[in-house]
Amino acid sequence: MEIRVELYLHFRERDTEASPGEPVLVDLPSAASARDVLDHLGVPEQAAKVVLVDGRTQPLDAPLRDGQTVTVFPPLEGG
């Protein structure tokens, strides 16, 4: 199944085939989870402070469906 992944802040600099700031398309087996997306991209789970599936928080182990979007943010700082 194909999952669209949006990476923000320093995660955008990951070595991917997409241009910086562009979504990454990831092919994963059916019933893969957001945790599987992080593993596939080499993003440590503890570094991904906010992970959204189609704009909503979900458990990292919840199965994804083909065509969903996973959005990943690192810890946010500032004020």
C-alpha atoms as a PDB file:
ATOM      1  CA  MET A   1       0.000   0.000   0.000  1.00  0.00           C
ATOM      2  CA  GLU A   2       1.120   3.559  -0.608  1.00  0.00           C
ATOM      3  CA  ILE A   3       1.315   6.060   2.265  1.00  0.00           C
ATOM      4  CA  ARG A   4       1.979   9.776   1.826  1.00  0.00           C
ATOM      5  CA  VAL A   5       4.360  11.130   4.488  1.00  0.00           C
ATOM      6  CA  GLU A   6       4.760  14.812   5.364  1.00  0.00           C
ATOM      7  CA  LEU A   7       7.946  15.583   7.293  1.00  0.00           C
ATOM      8  CA  TYR A   8       8.421  18.911   9.078  1.00  0.00           C
ATOM      9  CA  LEU A   9      11.349  20.971  10.373  1.00  0.00           C
ATOM     10  CA  HIS A  10      14.630  19.024  10.472  1.00  0.00           C
ATOM     11  CA  PHE A  11      12.902  15.797   9.374  1.00  0.00           C
ATOM     12  CA  ARG A  12      12.584  17.366   5.905  1.00  0.00           C
ATOM     13  CA  GLU A  13      16.334  16.964   5.523  1.00  0.00           C
ATOM     14  CA  ARG A  14      16.115  13.159   5.689  1.00  0.00           C
ATOM     15  CA  ASP A  15      17.658  11.355   2.726  1.00  0.00           C
ATOM     16  CA  THR A  16      14.538  10.723   0.661  1.00  0.00           C
ATOM     17  CA  GLU A  17      13.717  10.745  -3.030  1.00  0.00           C
ATOM     18  CA  ALA A  18      11.390  13.733  -2.639  1.00  0.00           C
ATOM     19  CA  SER A  19      12.487  17.351  -2.827  1.00  0.00           C
ATOM     20  CA  PRO A  20      12.763  19.190   0.509  1.00  0.00           C
ATOM     21  CA  GLY A  21       9.297  20.150   1.720  1.00  0.00           C
ATOM     22  CA  GLU A  22       7.559  17.724  -0.643  1.00  0.00           C
ATOM     23  CA  PRO A  23       5.615  14.721   0.671  1.00  0.00           C
ATOM     24  CA  VAL A  24       7.331  11.346   0.539  1.00  0.00           C
ATOM     25  CA  LEU A  25       5.458   8.372  -0.902  1.00  0.00           C
ATOM     26  CA  VAL A  26       6.241   5.157   0.966  1.00  0.00           C
ATOM     27  CA  ASP A  27       5.273   1.650  -0.141  1.00  0.00           C
ATOM     28  CA  LEU A  28       4.524  -0.604   2.830  1.00  0.00           C
ATOM     29  CA  PRO A  29       2.833  -3.972   3.359  1.00  0.00           C
ATOM     30  CA  SER A  30      -0.880  -3.939   4.140  1.00  0.00           C
ATOM     31  CA  ALA A  31      -1.747  -3.369   7.820  1.00  0.00           C
ATOM     32  CA  ALA A  32       1.470  -1.382   8.361  1.00  0.00           C
ATOM     33  CA  SER A  33       1.324   1.266  11.078  1.00  0.00           C
ATOM     34  CA  ALA A  34       2.694   4.777  11.626  1.00  0.00           C
ATOM     35  CA  ARG A  35       5.466   3.104  13.641  1.00  0.00           C
ATOM     36  CA  ASP A  36       6.376   1.134  10.496  1.00  0.00           C
ATOM     37  CA  VAL A  37       6.534   4.422   8.548  1.00  0.00           C
ATOM     38  CA  LEU A  38       8.958   5.875  11.119  1.00  0.00           C
ATOM     39  CA  ASP A  39      11.091   2.723  10.987  1.00  0.00           C
ATOM     40  CA  HIS A  40      11.113   2.759   7.179  1.00  0.00           C
ATOM     41  CA  LEU A  41      12.330   6.376   7.112  1.00  0.00           C
ATOM     42  CA  GLY A  42      14.848   5.903   9.936  1.00  0.00           C
ATOM     43  CA  VAL A  43      13.088   8.369  12.244  1.00  0.00           C
ATOM     44  CA  PRO A  44      13.583   7.395  15.912  1.00  0.00           C
ATOM     45  CA  GLU A  45      10.200   7.047  17.595  1.00  0.00           C
ATOM     46  CA  GLN A  46      11.253   9.256  20.531  1.00  0.00           C
ATOM     47  CA  ALA A  47      12.258  12.022  18.070  1.00  0.00           C
ATOM     48  CA  ALA A  48       8.799  12.104  16.480  1.00  0.00           C
ATOM     49  CA  LYS A  49       6.863  14.015  19.132  1.00  0.00           C
ATOM     50  CA  VAL A  50       3.733  14.553  17.055  1.00  0.00           C
ATOM     51  CA  VAL A  51       2.508  11.950  14.561  1.00  0.00           C
ATOM     52  CA  LEU A  52      -0.809  12.514  12.818  1.00  0.00           C
ATOM     53  CA  VAL A  53      -2.736  10.210  10.500  1.00  0.00           C
ATOM     54  CA  ASP A  54      -4.966  12.168   8.133  1.00  0.00           C
ATOM     55  CA  GLY A  55      -4.647  15.147  10.482  1.00  0.00           C
ATOM     56  CA  ARG A  56      -5.616  13.298  13.671  1.00  0.00           C
ATOM     57  CA  THR A  57      -3.670  11.681  16.457  1.00  0.00           C
ATOM     58  CA  GLN A  58      -3.745   7.899  16.365  1.00  0.00           C
ATOM     59  CA  PRO A  59      -1.871   5.215  18.287  1.00  0.00           C
ATOM     60  CA  LEU A  60       1.428   4.490  16.541  1.00  0.00           C
ATOM     61  CA  ASP A  61       0.416   0.836  16.189  1.00  0.00           C
ATOM     62  CA  ALA A  62      -2.980   1.523  14.557  1.00  0.00           C
ATOM     63  CA  PRO A  63      -3.100  -0.066  11.097  1.00  0.00           C
ATOM     64  CA  LEU A  64      -2.976   2.335   8.163  1.00  0.00           C
ATOM     65  CA  ARG A  65      -5.039   2.163   4.987  1.00  0.00           C
ATOM     66  CA  ASP A  66      -3.804   2.697   1.460  1.00  0.00           C
ATOM     67  CA  GLY A  67      -3.652   6.386   0.546  1.00  0.00           C
ATOM     68  CA  GLN A  68      -3.548   7.788   4.078  1.00  0.00           C
ATOM     69  CA  THR A  69      -1.240  10.656   5.042  1.00  0.00           C
ATOM     70  CA  VAL A  70       1.135  10.429   8.001  1.00  0.00           C
ATOM     71  CA  THR A  71       2.492  13.769   9.261  1.00  0.00           C
ATOM     72  CA  VAL A  72       5.591  13.801  11.489  1.00  0.00           C
ATOM     73  CA  PHE A  73       6.815  16.722  13.641  1.00  0.00           C
ATOM     74  CA  PRO A  74       9.919  16.756  15.859  1.00  0.00           C
ATOM     75  CA  PRO A  75       9.794  18.419  19.309  1.00  0.00           C
ATOM     76  CA  LEU A  76       8.767  22.055  18.964  1.00  0.00           C
ATOM     77  CA  GLU A  77      10.633  24.805  20.801  1.00  0.00           C
ATOM     78  CA  GLY A  78      10.304  28.503  21.151  1.00  0.00           C
ATOM     79  CA  GLY A  79       7.757  30.835  22.526  1.00  0.00           C
END
